[in-house]
Amino acid sequence: MKKITRFLVRKIPRPLLIRFSSVFSILVRPFYAGNNVECPICGHHFRKFLPYGNDGAINRLCPSCLSLERHRLIWLYLRDHSDFFTKNYKVLHFAPEQPFIKRFRKMKNLDYTTADLVSPIADLHIDIMNIPIEDNSYDIVFCNHVLEHVENDITAMKEVYRVLKPEGWAIMQVPINYTYNKTHEDLSITDPKERERVFGQYDHVRWHGLDYPERLKKAGFKVEEFDIKKYISPELVEVYRLDKREILYISRKM
């Protein structure tokens, strides 16, 4: 079963996994029964999480809601360190993630809109580099693991900044290559295999480096860093299977 599961999560595109997530979850959950790890989003406990990624890294994907490390970290921040679940907010969510979309839609305190360039389930089909929305329209914008795909990430950040209300905030996580001090990008690389070799995935056009928060500041944001090592105990980091290196960047329009 382990080999079958690893093959499925490596070879089947995530959109298809999402489409058939309910069936997939029912099939694999019995093989992962246990109490070693916990998903704070769906509340389920497992012996371990599923493998995920090009290299089939173990213990990453929740068998129930399909959350990854970044989703669980964002949820913990929203739940324990913000008023997201209690205050009335107008929210724009680019490329809405499976663990969040249904839960956010059910929250009565949110005026919640999803957006994507091509996804058939999105409310708005728009380009994040040219958002056809008036200035100062939203309290919160989510845009996770999108900026590594677009032609100009700074332009996209500036557009997010523009549509945010004053004192609004955004979470725009990206994959970080911790060996790079400076973001590496090259739009001349178009071959999918070469992009995967250089940028880690066939549809990425850059590796963001340790300068990522400076790029957010360049777009106009005041950046706050939520470092899990300061706010979440090592025991819970392990139980929730978070990435110890990841810093959550809260980008505010002041």
Protein backbone atom coordinates (compact mmCIF):
# COMPACT_ATOMS: atom_id res chain seq x y z
CA MET A 1 0.00 0.00 0.00
CA LYS A 2 2.89 2.34 0.77
CA LYS A 3 4.27 2.00 -2.77
CA ILE A 4 0.83 2.48 -4.31
CA THR A 5 0.15 5.60 -2.26
CA ARG A 6 3.53 7.11 -3.08
CA PHE A 7 2.97 6.42 -6.78
CA LEU A 8 -0.46 8.07 -6.71
CA VAL A 9 0.60 11.28 -4.97
CA ARG A 10 3.70 11.60 -7.16
CA LYS A 11 2.20 10.79 -10.54
CA ILE A 12 -1.40 12.01 -10.36
CA PRO A 13 -1.71 15.79 -10.81
CA ARG A 14 -2.91 17.57 -7.67
CA PRO A 15 -6.08 18.89 -9.45
CA LEU A 16 -7.16 15.29 -10.06
CA LEU A 17 -6.33 14.32 -6.48
CA ILE A 18 -8.51 17.22 -5.34
CA ARG A 19 -11.36 16.25 -7.65
CA PHE A 20 -11.44 12.71 -6.27
CA SER A 21 -10.25 13.59 -2.76
CA SER A 22 -13.27 12.10 -0.98
CA VAL A 23 -12.83 8.71 -2.63
CA PHE A 24 -9.06 8.89 -2.25
CA SER A 25 -9.39 9.69 1.44
CA ILE A 26 -11.79 6.82 2.13
CA LEU A 27 -9.45 4.38 0.41
CA VAL A 28 -6.21 5.34 2.16
CA ARG A 29 -7.35 6.39 5.64
CA PRO A 30 -7.61 2.85 7.10
CA PHE A 31 -3.95 2.23 6.24
CA TYR A 32 -2.87 5.34 8.16
CA ALA A 33 -4.93 4.91 11.32
CA GLY A 34 -3.11 6.03 14.46
CA ASN A 35 -2.33 8.98 16.72
CA ASN A 36 1.22 10.07 15.93
CA VAL A 37 0.30 13.13 13.84
CA GLU A 38 -2.64 15.53 13.80
CA CYS A 39 -4.02 17.85 11.15
CA PRO A 40 -5.18 21.05 12.90
CA ILE A 41 -7.42 21.91 9.94
CA CYS A 42 -9.67 18.85 9.80
CA GLY A 43 -8.84 17.59 13.32
CA HIS A 44 -8.06 14.03 12.25
CA HIS A 45 -5.23 11.96 13.73
CA PHE A 46 -3.10 9.46 11.82
CA ARG A 47 -0.16 7.13 12.21
CA LYS A 48 1.57 9.43 9.72
CA PHE A 49 0.70 11.64 6.76
CA LEU A 50 0.99 10.62 3.11
CA PRO A 51 4.14 11.14 1.05
CA TYR A 52 4.04 14.03 -1.41
CA GLY A 53 6.16 15.91 -3.95
CA ASN A 54 8.41 15.04 -6.87
CA ASP A 55 10.71 13.12 -4.57
CA GLY A 56 7.88 11.42 -2.67
CA ALA A 57 8.96 12.95 0.64
CA ILE A 58 7.28 11.11 3.52
CA ASN A 59 4.79 12.35 6.11
CA ARG A 60 3.48 15.48 4.32
CA LEU A 61 -0.09 15.23 2.96
CA CYS A 62 -3.12 14.85 5.24
CA PRO A 63 -5.17 11.85 4.05
CA SER A 64 -8.40 13.59 5.04
CA CYS A 65 -8.32 17.22 3.84
CA LEU A 66 -5.16 17.04 1.67
CA SER A 67 -3.38 19.76 3.64
CA LEU A 68 0.37 20.22 3.35
CA GLU A 69 2.78 21.87 5.78
CA ARG A 70 2.07 25.39 4.51
CA HIS A 71 -1.70 24.97 4.86
CA ARG A 72 -1.42 23.74 8.44
CA LEU A 73 0.89 26.64 9.32
CA ILE A 74 -1.47 29.23 7.81
CA TRP A 75 -4.43 27.70 9.63
CA LEU A 76 -2.62 27.81 12.98
CA TYR A 77 -1.75 31.47 12.44
CA LEU A 78 -5.32 32.38 11.46
CA ARG A 79 -6.82 30.38 14.33
CA ASP A 80 -4.46 31.27 17.17
CA HIS A 81 -2.88 34.59 16.22
CA SER A 82 -5.53 36.56 14.32
CA ASP A 83 -9.22 37.52 14.46
CA PHE A 84 -9.90 35.89 11.08
CA PHE A 85 -12.58 33.57 12.50
CA THR A 86 -14.51 36.24 14.40
CA LYS A 87 -14.26 39.61 12.64
CA ASN A 88 -16.16 40.53 9.48
CA TYR A 89 -13.76 40.53 6.54
CA LYS A 90 -13.96 40.83 2.78
CA VAL A 91 -11.56 38.21 1.42
CA LEU A 92 -10.09 37.55 -2.02
CA HIS A 93 -8.44 34.13 -2.42
CA PHE A 94 -6.26 33.40 -5.46
CA ALA A 95 -5.81 29.73 -6.39
CA PRO A 96 -7.94 28.60 -3.42
CA GLU A 97 -6.57 25.52 -1.71
CA GLN A 98 -8.58 22.38 -1.07
CA PRO A 99 -8.21 22.42 2.74
CA PHE A 100 -9.53 26.00 2.92
CA ILE A 101 -12.12 26.73 0.27
CA LYS A 102 -15.16 24.91 1.69
CA ARG A 103 -14.34 25.93 5.24
CA PHE A 104 -13.94 29.59 4.35
CA ARG A 105 -17.16 29.58 2.31
CA LYS A 106 -19.10 28.38 5.35
CA MET A 107 -17.83 31.16 7.63
CA LYS A 108 -20.61 33.69 8.12
CA ASN A 109 -18.19 36.47 9.05
CA LEU A 110 -16.48 36.37 5.64
CA ASP A 111 -17.47 37.92 2.33
CA TYR A 112 -15.40 35.39 0.44
CA THR A 113 -14.45 35.43 -3.27
CA THR A 114 -12.14 33.02 -5.09
CA ALA A 115 -10.05 33.84 -8.14
CA ASP A 116 -7.89 31.99 -10.62
CA LEU A 117 -6.74 32.44 -14.19
CA VAL A 118 -8.29 29.21 -15.50
CA SER A 119 -9.82 27.12 -12.70
CA PRO A 120 -13.49 26.27 -13.42
CA ILE A 121 -14.36 26.40 -9.71
CA ALA A 122 -13.13 29.98 -9.17
CA ASP A 123 -15.63 32.81 -8.83
CA LEU A 124 -13.47 35.17 -10.88
CA HIS A 125 -11.22 34.30 -13.81
CA ILE A 126 -8.56 37.00 -13.66
CA ASP A 127 -4.84 37.58 -14.07
CA ILE A 128 -3.16 38.46 -10.78
CA MET A 129 -0.77 40.75 -12.66
CA ASN A 130 -3.71 42.83 -13.91
CA ILE A 131 -6.58 42.54 -11.41
CA PRO A 132 -9.79 44.12 -12.77
CA ILE A 133 -10.93 45.25 -9.31
CA GLU A 134 -11.09 48.73 -7.84
CA ASP A 135 -8.47 50.01 -5.42
CA ASN A 136 -8.98 49.43 -1.70
CA SER A 137 -11.60 46.69 -2.12
CA TYR A 138 -10.53 43.81 0.17
CA ASP A 139 -9.49 43.39 3.79
CA ILE A 140 -7.49 40.20 3.19
CA VAL A 141 -5.91 38.54 0.16
CA PHE A 142 -4.57 34.98 0.08
CA CYS A 143 -2.24 34.01 -2.74
CA ASN A 144 -0.13 30.97 -1.92
CA HIS A 145 2.31 29.21 -4.24
CA VAL A 146 1.27 31.39 -7.16
CA LEU A 147 4.03 33.98 -7.52
CA GLU A 148 6.60 31.41 -8.63
CA HIS A 149 4.42 30.79 -11.70
CA VAL A 150 3.80 34.32 -12.97
CA GLU A 151 5.91 36.35 -15.38
CA ASN A 152 6.48 39.24 -12.96
CA ASP A 153 5.98 38.55 -9.27
CA ILE A 154 6.60 42.17 -8.21
CA THR A 155 3.83 43.35 -10.53
CA ALA A 156 1.49 40.77 -9.01
CA MET A 157 2.43 41.87 -5.48
CA LYS A 158 1.75 45.51 -6.38
CA GLU A 159 -1.68 44.55 -7.72
CA VAL A 160 -2.49 42.74 -4.48
CA TYR A 161 -1.33 45.81 -2.58
CA ARG A 162 -3.56 48.05 -4.72
CA VAL A 163 -6.78 46.08 -4.16
CA LEU A 164 -6.20 45.80 -0.41
CA LYS A 165 -7.87 48.33 1.84
CA PRO A 166 -5.62 50.49 4.05
CA GLU A 167 -4.54 48.32 7.01
CA GLY A 168 -5.52 45.24 5.02
CA TRP A 169 -3.16 42.29 4.87
CA ALA A 170 -2.13 39.44 2.63
CA ILE A 171 -0.51 36.04 2.95
CA MET A 172 1.48 35.17 -0.17
CA GLN A 173 3.67 32.16 0.57
CA VAL A 174 6.06 30.81 -2.07
CA PRO A 175 8.53 27.93 -2.17
CA ILE A 176 11.83 29.21 -0.78
CA ASN A 177 15.20 27.86 -1.84
CA TYR A 178 17.18 28.36 1.35
CA THR A 179 20.49 28.02 -0.47
CA TYR A 180 19.80 31.19 -2.49
CA ASN A 181 20.38 34.57 -0.89
CA LYS A 182 18.80 36.20 -3.94
CA THR A 183 15.81 35.09 -6.02
CA HIS A 184 16.81 33.34 -9.24
CA GLU A 185 14.56 33.76 -12.26
CA ASP A 186 14.97 33.23 -15.99
CA LEU A 187 11.96 33.65 -18.30
CA SER A 188 13.98 32.43 -21.27
CA ILE A 189 13.76 28.89 -19.89
CA THR A 190 10.55 27.46 -21.36
CA ASP A 191 11.22 23.73 -21.65
CA PRO A 192 9.28 21.95 -18.87
CA LYS A 193 12.11 19.51 -18.10
CA GLU A 194 14.65 22.30 -17.90
CA ARG A 195 12.34 24.35 -15.67
CA GLU A 196 11.99 21.38 -13.35
CA ARG A 197 15.76 20.99 -13.24
CA VAL A 198 16.44 24.68 -12.60
CA PHE A 199 13.40 25.77 -10.59
CA GLY A 200 12.16 22.54 -9.04
CA GLN A 201 8.89 22.23 -11.00
CA TYR A 202 7.96 22.19 -14.68
CA ASP A 203 5.69 25.26 -14.48
CA HIS A 204 7.85 27.47 -12.22
CA VAL A 205 9.77 30.42 -13.63
CA ARG A 206 11.79 31.32 -10.52
CA TRP A 207 13.20 30.11 -7.23
CA HIS A 208 12.53 32.68 -4.53
CA GLY A 209 15.46 33.06 -2.20
CA LEU A 210 16.07 34.52 1.23
CA ASP A 211 15.39 37.98 -0.21
CA TYR A 212 11.67 37.20 -0.58
CA PRO A 213 10.51 39.53 2.23
CA GLU A 214 12.52 42.33 0.60
CA ARG A 215 10.61 41.76 -2.64
CA LEU A 216 7.35 42.13 -0.72
CA LYS A 217 8.62 45.38 0.78
CA LYS A 218 9.58 46.57 -2.71
CA ALA A 219 5.91 46.21 -3.65
CA GLY A 220 4.96 48.53 -0.79
CA PHE A 221 4.15 46.14 2.04
CA LYS A 222 5.16 46.27 5.66
CA VAL A 223 6.21 42.67 6.35
CA GLU A 224 5.77 40.86 9.66
CA GLU A 225 7.47 37.51 10.12
CA PHE A 226 5.65 34.71 11.93
CA ASP A 227 8.41 32.26 12.84
CA ILE A 228 7.01 28.96 14.10
CA LYS A 229 10.06 28.44 16.30
CA LYS A 230 8.92 31.42 18.41
CA TYR A 231 5.22 30.60 18.61
CA ILE A 232 4.77 26.84 18.31
CA SER A 233 6.45 24.28 20.57
CA PRO A 234 8.84 21.74 19.02
CA GLU A 235 6.45 18.99 20.11
CA LEU A 236 3.51 20.51 18.22
CA VAL A 237 5.69 21.27 15.20
CA GLU A 238 6.34 17.54 15.02
CA VAL A 239 2.74 16.49 15.70
CA TYR A 240 1.41 18.87 13.04
CA ARG A 241 4.30 18.03 10.71
CA LEU A 242 5.25 21.63 9.95
CA ASP A 243 8.34 22.76 8.04
CA LYS A 244 10.64 24.07 10.77
CA ARG A 245 12.31 26.45 8.30
CA GLU A 246 9.18 28.10 6.96
CA ILE A 247 8.41 31.65 7.99
CA LEU A 248 4.91 33.01 7.40
CA TYR A 249 5.10 36.50 5.90
CA ILE A 250 2.17 38.72 6.86
CA SER A 251 2.19 41.58 4.34
CA ARG A 252 0.32 44.68 5.51
CA LYS A 253 -0.83 47.77 3.62
CA MET A 254 -0.23 50.66 5.97
